[in-house]
Amino acid sequence: MMSRPIILSLCTLILAMALPSGAHAKHEEIHRQLLAYDAAPDRPTLVAAAAPATAEDALMAVHGDPARPRIVRLRALDALGLFPSLAVRGYLHRLTADPAADALDRMHAGTALVFAFGDGALTSVRPLLNDAGTDGAVVVAVADALVRYAGPAGRALVRDVRRAAGKDPRRMDALDRVLAPRENVAPMIR
């Protein structure tokens, strides 16, 4: 039979492991918001959840915490697109420029950069798009963000990338679909 002090110590240890603490606890509300099933949180919700820290700092900390679920970390990157600041720009630029970074991190960082900075993100995402070693899904996602949020300059960059992809028919086809105008086709009634 275990003594009372040992049982209390074990209970304390179990509770300490179960309850958030330290840096992890500071961002629990952001974590909860990012884990929401229905929709991604908006800027005011994230600012309130991060208080007293800045939302940008909290989101970067959540992304950098390997103990967090992958989906929360990726949604933190997406949410950084709502906060166009120099710190966010530097953080996202470093992720897109790092060929050793995970493809999903590079994709979400690239699309968040374009969402936050529009055509101001072209210099950051151009190397990502032009690198032949970049995963095709990453190229298509960032190209789609450029067409949607970076205006004519973004569309021009995607056209340049499409021309450079001349030897890869799958990548060319995917970029053609990104560049194609969106059409709403109504069903024909006879």
Protein backbone atom coordinates (compact mmCIF):
# COMPACT_ATOMS: atom_id res chain seq x y z
CA MET A 1 0.00 0.00 0.00
CA MET A 2 1.27 3.46 -0.91
CA SER A 3 1.71 6.09 1.72
CA ARG A 4 -0.42 9.21 1.73
CA PRO A 5 2.47 11.58 0.75
CA ILE A 6 3.30 9.43 -2.30
CA ILE A 7 -0.33 9.39 -3.42
CA LEU A 8 -0.56 13.18 -2.99
CA SER A 9 2.66 13.63 -4.96
CA LEU A 10 1.36 11.44 -7.77
CA CYS A 11 -1.95 13.34 -7.87
CA THR A 12 -0.08 16.65 -7.98
CA LEU A 13 2.10 15.38 -10.81
CA ILE A 14 -0.92 14.15 -12.80
CA LEU A 15 -2.71 17.48 -12.33
CA ALA A 16 0.39 19.43 -13.31
CA MET A 17 0.68 17.45 -16.53
CA ALA A 18 -3.02 17.86 -17.32
CA LEU A 19 -3.29 21.58 -16.66
CA PRO A 20 -1.65 24.10 -18.99
CA SER A 21 1.28 25.95 -17.53
CA GLY A 22 3.96 28.47 -18.39
CA ALA A 23 4.22 29.70 -21.97
CA HIS A 24 1.79 27.03 -23.06
CA ALA A 25 -0.92 28.39 -20.73
CA LYS A 26 -0.52 31.96 -21.93
CA HIS A 27 -1.92 31.06 -25.31
CA GLU A 28 -4.69 28.65 -24.38
CA GLU A 29 -7.46 31.01 -25.50
CA ILE A 30 -5.76 31.51 -28.89
CA HIS A 31 -5.36 27.74 -29.11
CA ARG A 32 -9.06 27.26 -28.37
CA GLN A 33 -10.06 29.84 -30.98
CA LEU A 34 -7.84 28.27 -33.64
CA LEU A 35 -9.22 24.83 -32.88
CA ALA A 36 -12.80 26.02 -33.48
CA TYR A 37 -14.58 23.68 -35.82
CA ASP A 38 -17.02 26.01 -37.52
CA ALA A 39 -14.86 28.89 -38.81
CA ALA A 40 -11.52 30.56 -38.41
CA PRO A 41 -11.54 33.38 -35.85
CA ASP A 42 -11.50 36.98 -37.05
CA ARG A 43 -9.01 39.67 -36.10
CA PRO A 44 -10.91 41.15 -33.09
CA THR A 45 -11.45 37.69 -31.62
CA LEU A 46 -7.75 36.89 -31.89
CA VAL A 47 -6.72 40.23 -30.38
CA ALA A 48 -9.04 39.65 -27.41
CA ALA A 49 -7.87 36.05 -26.99
CA ALA A 50 -4.20 37.04 -26.98
CA ALA A 51 -4.49 39.81 -24.38
CA PRO A 52 -2.32 41.02 -22.73
CA ALA A 53 0.22 39.90 -25.37
CA THR A 54 -0.11 41.05 -28.96
CA ALA A 55 -1.99 38.70 -31.24
CA GLU A 56 0.99 38.51 -33.60
CA ASP A 57 3.34 37.38 -30.85
CA ALA A 58 0.81 34.87 -29.55
CA LEU A 59 0.19 33.41 -33.01
CA MET A 60 3.90 33.11 -33.75
CA ALA A 61 4.41 31.41 -30.36
CA VAL A 62 1.56 28.99 -31.02
CA HIS A 63 2.98 28.11 -34.44
CA GLY A 64 6.42 27.57 -32.98
CA ASP A 65 5.19 25.28 -30.20
CA PRO A 66 5.68 21.65 -31.34
CA ALA A 67 3.46 20.45 -28.47
CA ARG A 68 0.41 21.98 -30.19
CA PRO A 69 -1.66 19.96 -32.67
CA ARG A 70 -0.58 20.45 -36.28
CA ILE A 71 -3.93 21.93 -37.32
CA VAL A 72 -3.67 24.62 -34.64
CA ARG A 73 -0.15 25.51 -35.75
CA LEU A 74 -1.21 25.79 -39.40
CA ARG A 75 -4.27 27.87 -38.54
CA ALA A 76 -1.98 30.18 -36.53
CA LEU A 77 0.03 30.76 -39.71
CA ASP A 78 -3.17 31.48 -41.64
CA ALA A 79 -4.32 33.89 -38.93
CA LEU A 80 -1.04 35.82 -39.17
CA GLY A 81 -2.34 37.02 -42.54
CA LEU A 82 -4.78 39.21 -40.61
CA PHE A 83 -1.92 41.14 -38.98
CA PRO A 84 0.25 42.94 -41.54
CA SER A 85 3.23 44.08 -39.48
CA LEU A 86 6.98 43.99 -39.96
CA ALA A 87 7.36 41.21 -37.39
CA VAL A 88 4.76 39.07 -39.15
CA ARG A 89 6.29 39.79 -42.54
CA GLY A 90 9.73 38.71 -41.34
CA TYR A 91 8.39 35.56 -39.69
CA LEU A 92 6.39 34.47 -42.74
CA HIS A 93 9.20 35.42 -45.15
CA ARG A 94 11.69 33.26 -43.25
CA LEU A 95 9.31 30.29 -43.43
CA THR A 96 8.69 30.63 -47.16
CA ALA A 97 12.39 31.07 -47.86
CA ASP A 98 13.46 28.01 -45.87
CA PRO A 99 13.67 24.99 -48.21
CA ALA A 100 14.08 22.72 -45.17
CA ALA A 101 10.73 23.86 -43.71
CA ASP A 102 7.73 21.60 -43.99
CA ALA A 103 5.77 22.02 -47.26
CA LEU A 104 2.54 22.81 -45.39
CA ASP A 105 4.27 25.49 -43.33
CA ARG A 106 5.68 27.05 -46.49
CA MET A 107 2.29 26.92 -48.20
CA HIS A 108 0.38 28.50 -45.30
CA ALA A 109 3.11 31.09 -44.74
CA GLY A 110 3.11 32.01 -48.43
CA THR A 111 -0.65 32.38 -48.65
CA ALA A 112 -0.75 34.38 -45.39
CA LEU A 113 1.97 36.69 -46.76
CA VAL A 114 -0.05 37.34 -49.90
CA PHE A 115 -3.26 37.85 -47.93
CA ALA A 116 -1.59 40.32 -45.55
CA PHE A 117 0.56 42.26 -48.01
CA GLY A 118 -1.01 41.73 -51.45
CA ASP A 119 1.40 42.64 -54.23
CA GLY A 120 3.91 43.68 -51.56
CA ALA A 121 4.57 39.97 -50.96
CA LEU A 122 5.76 39.24 -54.50
CA THR A 123 9.46 39.40 -53.67
CA SER A 124 8.95 37.00 -50.75
CA VAL A 125 6.96 34.35 -52.63
CA ARG A 126 8.68 34.55 -56.04
CA PRO A 127 11.57 32.22 -55.04
CA LEU A 128 9.07 29.75 -53.58
CA LEU A 129 7.15 29.64 -56.87
CA ASN A 130 10.22 29.49 -59.10
CA ASP A 131 11.96 26.70 -57.18
CA ALA A 132 11.51 23.48 -59.17
CA GLY A 133 11.81 21.50 -55.96
CA THR A 134 8.77 23.17 -54.38
CA ASP A 135 5.82 20.83 -53.99
CA GLY A 136 3.17 21.39 -56.69
CA ALA A 137 0.39 21.86 -54.15
CA VAL A 138 2.36 24.67 -52.52
CA VAL A 139 2.85 26.40 -55.87
CA VAL A 140 -0.85 26.13 -56.74
CA ALA A 141 -2.03 27.40 -53.32
CA VAL A 142 0.32 30.40 -53.36
CA ALA A 143 -0.50 31.10 -57.04
CA ASP A 144 -4.21 31.04 -56.21
CA ALA A 145 -3.64 33.52 -53.37
CA LEU A 146 -1.67 35.77 -55.74
CA VAL A 147 -4.46 35.78 -58.30
CA ARG A 148 -7.08 36.52 -55.63
CA TYR A 149 -5.30 39.06 -53.44
CA ALA A 150 -2.28 40.56 -55.22
CA GLY A 151 -4.04 42.16 -58.17
CA PRO A 152 -2.56 42.42 -61.67
CA ALA A 153 1.03 42.09 -60.41
CA GLY A 154 0.16 38.79 -58.72
CA ARG A 155 -1.54 37.48 -61.86
CA ALA A 156 1.52 38.52 -63.92
CA LEU A 157 3.84 36.60 -61.57
CA VAL A 158 1.67 33.50 -61.87
CA ARG A 159 1.79 33.81 -65.68
CA ASP A 160 5.61 34.02 -65.50
CA VAL A 161 5.73 30.93 -63.29
CA ARG A 162 3.38 29.15 -65.70
CA ARG A 163 5.69 29.94 -68.64
CA ALA A 164 8.71 28.71 -66.67
CA ALA A 165 6.91 25.44 -65.89
CA GLY A 166 6.95 24.49 -69.56
CA LYS A 167 8.43 21.03 -68.98
CA ASP A 168 6.01 19.97 -66.25
CA PRO A 169 2.56 19.39 -67.79
CA ARG A 170 0.86 18.75 -64.42
CA ARG A 171 2.12 22.02 -62.96
CA MET A 172 1.23 23.88 -66.16
CA ASP A 173 -2.31 22.48 -66.10
CA ALA A 174 -2.78 23.38 -62.43
CA LEU A 175 -1.55 26.93 -63.01
CA ASP A 176 -3.81 27.25 -66.07
CA ARG A 177 -6.77 26.41 -63.82
CA VAL A 178 -5.66 29.05 -61.33
CA LEU A 179 -5.39 31.65 -64.08
CA ALA A 180 -8.69 30.71 -65.76
CA PRO A 181 -11.52 33.11 -65.11
CA ARG A 182 -14.06 31.88 -62.63
CA GLU A 183 -17.33 31.24 -64.40
CA ASN A 184 -20.69 30.50 -62.91
CA VAL A 185 -22.40 28.10 -65.23
CA ALA A 186 -26.14 27.86 -64.76
CA PRO A 187 -27.77 24.55 -65.65
CA MET A 188 -29.61 24.62 -68.92
CA ILE A 189 -33.36 24.20 -68.57
CA ARG A 190 -35.21 22.61 -71.49
